[in-house]
Amino acid sequence: MSMKRQYSFPEGHWDWIVELTHHHAVRAGNLVFTGEQVDLDPQGNVRNIGDLASQCRNSMRYMERLFDDLGVDFADLVRLIAYYVGTAEDEARLMSQLAETIGPEVRPVISMINMPEL
């Protein structure tokens, strides 16, 4: 027996420059899976180049919109992977910003992956 799936691609959400047939998130029963959320605009243009705090804030806003669309919130989050470019100090600031955004109700597993470039 398969679960009914609910897909999410909210109006005005970021998109790629090329045409793809995908959704940003899917819900099947109590499980929600999202793709990576990035600081792009609906036309696929990169926003806030070099501003990690703004990129994080905007990416998490996109995540929140997906969660709202699928009837969940950050309290339901169990795992988050954050890819970033930066230093150890940037990682600490980013982790603090993520904790503030997610809120104190939940403690998801957060994997921070430093990349040479994205």
N, C-alpha and C. Protein backbone atom coordinates (compact mmCIF):
# COMPACT_ATOMS: atom_id res chain seq x y z
N MET A 1 0.84 -1.18 0.00
CA MET A 1 0.00 0.00 0.00
C MET A 1 0.89 1.25 0.00
N SER A 2 0.67 2.14 -0.93
CA SER A 2 1.49 3.34 -1.00
C SER A 2 0.79 4.51 -0.31
N MET A 3 1.60 5.40 0.26
CA MET A 3 1.07 6.59 0.92
C MET A 3 0.80 7.68 -0.11
N LYS A 4 -0.25 8.44 0.14
CA LYS A 4 -0.53 9.59 -0.70
C LYS A 4 0.59 10.61 -0.51
N ARG A 5 1.05 11.18 -1.59
CA ARG A 5 2.12 12.18 -1.52
C ARG A 5 1.57 13.57 -1.78
N GLN A 6 2.12 14.52 -1.03
CA GLN A 6 1.79 15.93 -1.21
C GLN A 6 3.08 16.64 -1.58
N TYR A 7 3.09 17.33 -2.70
CA TYR A 7 4.29 18.01 -3.19
C TYR A 7 4.20 19.51 -2.92
N SER A 8 5.36 20.15 -2.79
CA SER A 8 5.39 21.58 -2.53
C SER A 8 6.38 22.29 -3.45
N PHE A 9 5.87 23.31 -4.10
CA PHE A 9 6.67 24.27 -4.87
C PHE A 9 5.90 25.58 -4.80
N PRO A 10 6.03 26.30 -3.65
CA PRO A 10 5.22 27.51 -3.43
C PRO A 10 5.44 28.58 -4.49
N GLU A 11 4.39 29.33 -4.73
CA GLU A 11 4.47 30.48 -5.64
C GLU A 11 5.58 31.43 -5.20
N GLY A 12 6.42 31.86 -6.13
CA GLY A 12 7.50 32.80 -5.83
C GLY A 12 8.72 32.17 -5.18
N HIS A 13 8.73 30.83 -5.04
CA HIS A 13 9.88 30.14 -4.46
C HIS A 13 11.05 30.23 -5.43
N TRP A 14 12.27 30.04 -4.92
CA TRP A 14 13.42 30.10 -5.81
C TRP A 14 13.31 28.99 -6.85
N ASP A 15 13.97 29.20 -7.97
CA ASP A 15 13.92 28.23 -9.06
C ASP A 15 15.26 28.22 -9.77
N TRP A 16 15.46 27.22 -10.58
CA TRP A 16 16.67 27.11 -11.39
C TRP A 16 16.54 27.98 -12.63
N ILE A 17 17.66 28.27 -13.26
CA ILE A 17 17.65 29.03 -14.52
C ILE A 17 17.11 28.16 -15.64
N VAL A 18 17.36 26.85 -15.59
CA VAL A 18 16.87 25.91 -16.61
C VAL A 18 15.57 25.28 -16.15
N GLU A 19 14.74 24.86 -17.09
CA GLU A 19 13.45 24.25 -16.78
C GLU A 19 13.65 22.82 -16.26
N LEU A 20 13.13 22.57 -15.07
CA LEU A 20 13.19 21.23 -14.48
C LEU A 20 11.80 20.84 -13.99
N THR A 21 11.55 19.57 -13.95
CA THR A 21 10.28 19.08 -13.40
C THR A 21 10.56 18.50 -12.03
N HIS A 22 10.56 19.34 -11.03
CA HIS A 22 10.83 18.90 -9.67
C HIS A 22 9.98 19.70 -8.70
N HIS A 23 9.98 19.27 -7.47
CA HIS A 23 9.33 19.99 -6.39
C HIS A 23 10.39 20.21 -5.32
N HIS A 24 10.19 21.19 -4.48
CA HIS A 24 11.16 21.48 -3.43
C HIS A 24 10.99 20.58 -2.22
N ALA A 25 9.80 20.01 -2.07
CA ALA A 25 9.57 19.14 -0.91
C ALA A 25 8.42 18.19 -1.23
N VAL A 26 8.40 17.08 -0.48
CA VAL A 26 7.31 16.12 -0.60
C VAL A 26 6.97 15.59 0.78
N ARG A 27 5.68 15.38 1.00
CA ARG A 27 5.22 14.78 2.26
C ARG A 27 4.53 13.47 1.92
N ALA A 28 4.91 12.42 2.64
CA ALA A 28 4.26 11.11 2.53
C ALA A 28 3.94 10.66 3.95
N GLY A 29 2.67 10.73 4.31
CA GLY A 29 2.30 10.41 5.69
C GLY A 29 2.91 11.42 6.64
N ASN A 30 3.65 10.94 7.64
CA ASN A 30 4.29 11.83 8.61
C ASN A 30 5.71 12.21 8.22
N LEU A 31 6.18 11.78 7.06
CA LEU A 31 7.54 12.08 6.62
C LEU A 31 7.54 13.22 5.61
N VAL A 32 8.48 14.15 5.80
CA VAL A 32 8.65 15.25 4.87
C VAL A 32 10.11 15.28 4.45
N PHE A 33 10.34 15.35 3.16
CA PHE A 33 11.70 15.44 2.61
C PHE A 33 11.79 16.71 1.78
N THR A 34 12.89 17.44 1.96
CA THR A 34 13.09 18.66 1.18
C THR A 34 14.40 18.55 0.40
N GLY A 35 14.46 19.28 -0.69
CA GLY A 35 15.71 19.45 -1.39
C GLY A 35 16.47 20.59 -0.74
N GLU A 36 17.68 20.83 -1.22
CA GLU A 36 18.45 21.93 -0.66
C GLU A 36 17.74 23.24 -0.91
N GLN A 37 17.83 24.13 0.05
CA GLN A 37 17.27 25.47 -0.10
C GLN A 37 18.45 26.45 -0.14
N VAL A 38 18.40 27.32 -1.12
CA VAL A 38 19.50 28.24 -1.36
C VAL A 38 18.96 29.66 -1.53
N ASP A 39 19.83 30.62 -1.53
CA ASP A 39 19.42 32.01 -1.65
C ASP A 39 19.44 32.44 -3.12
N LEU A 40 18.48 31.90 -3.87
CA LEU A 40 18.26 32.29 -5.26
C LEU A 40 16.90 32.97 -5.34
N ASP A 41 16.69 33.74 -6.40
CA ASP A 41 15.37 34.32 -6.61
C ASP A 41 14.56 33.41 -7.53
N PRO A 42 13.29 33.75 -7.80
CA PRO A 42 12.47 32.89 -8.65
C PRO A 42 12.98 32.72 -10.08
N GLN A 43 13.92 33.58 -10.51
CA GLN A 43 14.51 33.44 -11.85
C GLN A 43 15.83 32.68 -11.82
N GLY A 44 16.27 32.24 -10.63
CA GLY A 44 17.50 31.47 -10.52
C GLY A 44 18.75 32.30 -10.31
N ASN A 45 18.60 33.58 -10.02
CA ASN A 45 19.75 34.45 -9.79
C ASN A 45 20.21 34.36 -8.34
N VAL A 46 21.53 34.30 -8.13
CA VAL A 46 22.10 34.24 -6.78
C VAL A 46 21.90 35.58 -6.10
N ARG A 47 21.45 35.53 -4.85
CA ARG A 47 21.28 36.74 -4.05
C ARG A 47 22.34 36.77 -2.95
N ASN A 48 22.67 37.94 -2.47
CA ASN A 48 23.53 38.15 -1.30
C ASN A 48 24.88 37.44 -1.38
N ILE A 49 25.55 37.57 -2.50
CA ILE A 49 26.87 36.95 -2.68
C ILE A 49 27.82 37.43 -1.59
N GLY A 50 28.46 36.49 -0.91
CA GLY A 50 29.43 36.81 0.13
C GLY A 50 28.82 37.15 1.48
N ASP A 51 27.51 37.10 1.61
CA ASP A 51 26.83 37.46 2.86
C ASP A 51 26.18 36.19 3.43
N LEU A 52 26.96 35.42 4.17
CA LEU A 52 26.52 34.12 4.68
C LEU A 52 25.28 34.24 5.58
N ALA A 53 25.22 35.27 6.40
CA ALA A 53 24.07 35.44 7.31
C ALA A 53 22.77 35.65 6.52
N SER A 54 22.81 36.49 5.50
CA SER A 54 21.61 36.73 4.69
C SER A 54 21.24 35.49 3.89
N GLN A 55 22.24 34.80 3.36
CA GLN A 55 21.96 33.58 2.61
C GLN A 55 21.31 32.53 3.51
N CYS A 56 21.80 32.38 4.72
CA CYS A 56 21.23 31.44 5.67
C CYS A 56 19.80 31.84 6.02
N ARG A 57 19.60 33.11 6.35
CA ARG A 57 18.27 33.60 6.71
C ARG A 57 17.27 33.33 5.58
N ASN A 58 17.64 33.65 4.35
CA ASN A 58 16.73 33.48 3.22
C ASN A 58 16.49 32.01 2.89
N SER A 59 17.51 31.18 3.01
CA SER A 59 17.35 29.75 2.76
C SER A 59 16.41 29.14 3.79
N MET A 60 16.54 29.55 5.04
CA MET A 60 15.66 29.03 6.08
C MET A 60 14.23 29.57 5.93
N ARG A 61 14.07 30.76 5.39
CA ARG A 61 12.72 31.28 5.08
C ARG A 61 12.07 30.41 4.02
N TYR A 62 12.85 30.04 3.01
CA TYR A 62 12.32 29.12 1.99
C TYR A 62 11.92 27.79 2.63
N MET A 63 12.75 27.29 3.53
CA MET A 63 12.43 26.04 4.22
C MET A 63 11.12 26.19 5.00
N GLU A 64 10.98 27.31 5.69
CA GLU A 64 9.78 27.55 6.48
C GLU A 64 8.53 27.59 5.58
N ARG A 65 8.65 28.17 4.41
CA ARG A 65 7.52 28.21 3.46
C ARG A 65 7.14 26.81 3.02
N LEU A 66 8.13 25.96 2.78
CA LEU A 66 7.84 24.57 2.42
C LEU A 66 7.13 23.86 3.56
N PHE A 67 7.65 24.04 4.77
CA PHE A 67 7.03 23.42 5.94
C PHE A 67 5.59 23.90 6.10
N ASP A 68 5.36 25.20 5.99
CA ASP A 68 4.00 25.74 6.10
C ASP A 68 3.09 25.09 5.06
N ASP A 69 3.58 24.98 3.84
CA ASP A 69 2.80 24.41 2.75
C ASP A 69 2.42 22.96 3.02
N LEU A 70 3.29 22.24 3.73
CA LEU A 70 3.06 20.81 3.99
C LEU A 70 2.51 20.54 5.38
N GLY A 71 2.20 21.59 6.14
CA GLY A 71 1.55 21.42 7.43
C GLY A 71 2.46 20.99 8.56
N VAL A 72 3.74 21.34 8.49
CA VAL A 72 4.69 21.04 9.57
C VAL A 72 5.43 22.34 9.91
N ASP A 73 6.32 22.27 10.90
CA ASP A 73 7.13 23.43 11.22
C ASP A 73 8.49 22.98 11.75
N PHE A 74 9.31 23.94 12.17
CA PHE A 74 10.65 23.60 12.61
C PHE A 74 10.66 22.65 13.81
N ALA A 75 9.59 22.62 14.59
CA ALA A 75 9.52 21.69 15.72
C ALA A 75 9.51 20.24 15.25
N ASP A 76 9.20 20.01 13.98
CA ASP A 76 9.17 18.66 13.41
C ASP A 76 10.50 18.26 12.76
N LEU A 77 11.45 19.18 12.71
CA LEU A 77 12.72 18.94 12.04
C LEU A 77 13.59 17.97 12.84
N VAL A 78 14.11 16.94 12.15
CA VAL A 78 14.98 15.98 12.83
C VAL A 78 16.41 16.00 12.29
N ARG A 79 16.59 16.49 11.05
CA ARG A 79 17.94 16.49 10.46
C ARG A 79 18.06 17.65 9.48
N LEU A 80 19.20 18.34 9.55
CA LEU A 80 19.49 19.44 8.66
C LEU A 80 20.95 19.36 8.25
N ILE A 81 21.21 19.46 6.96
CA ILE A 81 22.58 19.50 6.45
C ILE A 81 22.80 20.90 5.88
N ALA A 82 23.83 21.58 6.34
CA ALA A 82 24.13 22.94 5.88
C ALA A 82 25.49 22.93 5.17
N TYR A 83 25.49 23.21 3.88
CA TYR A 83 26.71 23.39 3.11
C TYR A 83 27.02 24.88 3.10
N TYR A 84 28.27 25.22 3.34
CA TYR A 84 28.64 26.64 3.39
C TYR A 84 30.09 26.80 2.99
N VAL A 85 30.45 28.02 2.65
CA VAL A 85 31.83 28.40 2.38
C VAL A 85 32.22 29.38 3.48
N GLY A 86 33.30 29.07 4.20
CA GLY A 86 33.70 29.98 5.25
C GLY A 86 34.70 29.38 6.21
N THR A 87 34.94 30.10 7.28
CA THR A 87 35.93 29.74 8.29
C THR A 87 35.26 29.05 9.48
N ALA A 88 36.06 28.66 10.46
CA ALA A 88 35.52 28.08 11.69
C ALA A 88 34.64 29.10 12.42
N GLU A 89 35.02 30.36 12.37
CA GLU A 89 34.20 31.41 12.98
C GLU A 89 32.86 31.54 12.26
N ASP A 90 32.89 31.42 10.93
CA ASP A 90 31.64 31.46 10.16
C ASP A 90 30.74 30.29 10.55
N GLU A 91 31.35 29.12 10.75
CA GLU A 91 30.57 27.94 11.14
C GLU A 91 29.88 28.17 12.48
N ALA A 92 30.59 28.74 13.43
CA ALA A 92 30.00 29.00 14.75
C ALA A 92 28.85 30.00 14.64
N ARG A 93 29.03 31.06 13.84
CA ARG A 93 27.96 32.05 13.66
C ARG A 93 26.77 31.42 12.94
N LEU A 94 27.05 30.60 11.94
CA LEU A 94 26.00 29.94 11.19
C LEU A 94 25.21 28.98 12.09
N MET A 95 25.91 28.22 12.92
CA MET A 95 25.24 27.29 13.83
C MET A 95 24.35 28.06 14.81
N SER A 96 24.84 29.18 15.32
CA SER A 96 24.05 30.01 16.22
C SER A 96 22.81 30.55 15.51
N GLN A 97 22.97 31.00 14.29
CA GLN A 97 21.86 31.54 13.52
C GLN A 97 20.82 30.45 13.24
N LEU A 98 21.28 29.25 12.89
CA LEU A 98 20.36 28.14 12.65
C LEU A 98 19.59 27.78 13.93
N ALA A 99 20.30 27.74 15.05
CA ALA A 99 19.65 27.42 16.33
C ALA A 99 18.58 28.45 16.66
N GLU A 100 18.88 29.72 16.43
CA GLU A 100 17.91 30.78 16.70
C GLU A 100 16.70 30.66 15.78
N THR A 101 16.93 30.34 14.51
CA THR A 101 15.85 30.21 13.54
C THR A 101 14.96 29.01 13.86
N ILE A 102 15.57 27.89 14.18
CA ILE A 102 14.82 26.66 14.45
C ILE A 102 14.04 26.77 15.75
N GLY A 103 14.62 27.44 16.73
CA GLY A 103 13.95 27.63 18.01
C GLY A 103 14.35 26.60 19.04
N PRO A 104 14.00 26.86 20.31
CA PRO A 104 14.46 26.01 21.41
C PRO A 104 13.66 24.73 21.62
N GLU A 105 12.53 24.56 20.91
CA GLU A 105 11.68 23.40 21.14
C GLU A 105 12.27 22.08 20.64
N VAL A 106 13.17 22.15 19.72
CA VAL A 106 13.67 20.93 19.08
C VAL A 106 15.19 21.02 18.91
N ARG A 107 15.84 19.90 18.93
CA ARG A 107 17.29 19.83 18.74
C ARG A 107 17.60 18.83 17.61
N PRO A 108 17.45 19.27 16.36
CA PRO A 108 17.73 18.34 15.26
C PRO A 108 19.23 18.08 15.11
N VAL A 109 19.55 17.00 14.45
CA VAL A 109 20.93 16.75 14.08
C VAL A 109 21.28 17.74 12.97
N ILE A 110 22.35 18.50 13.17
CA ILE A 110 22.79 19.46 12.15
C ILE A 110 24.20 19.09 11.73
N SER A 111 24.36 18.81 10.45
CA SER A 111 25.68 18.52 9.89
C SER A 111 26.14 19.75 9.12
N MET A 112 27.28 20.29 9.52
CA MET A 112 27.86 21.46 8.85
C MET A 112 28.95 20.97 7.91
N ILE A 113 28.82 21.27 6.63
CA ILE A 113 29.79 20.81 5.64
C ILE A 113 30.39 22.02 4.95
N ASN A 114 31.68 22.26 5.24
CA ASN A 114 32.41 23.37 4.67
C ASN A 114 32.91 22.98 3.28
N MET A 115 32.59 23.80 2.31
CA MET A 115 32.98 23.55 0.92
C MET A 115 33.95 24.64 0.45
N PRO A 116 34.86 24.33 -0.46
CA PRO A 116 35.75 25.36 -0.98
C PRO A 116 35.00 26.40 -1.80
N GLU A 117 33.89 26.00 -2.44
CA GLU A 117 33.02 26.90 -3.16
C GLU A 117 31.72 26.18 -3.46
N LEU A 118 30.69 26.96 -3.68
CA LEU A 118 29.39 26.39 -4.04
C LEU A 118 28.96 26.89 -5.40
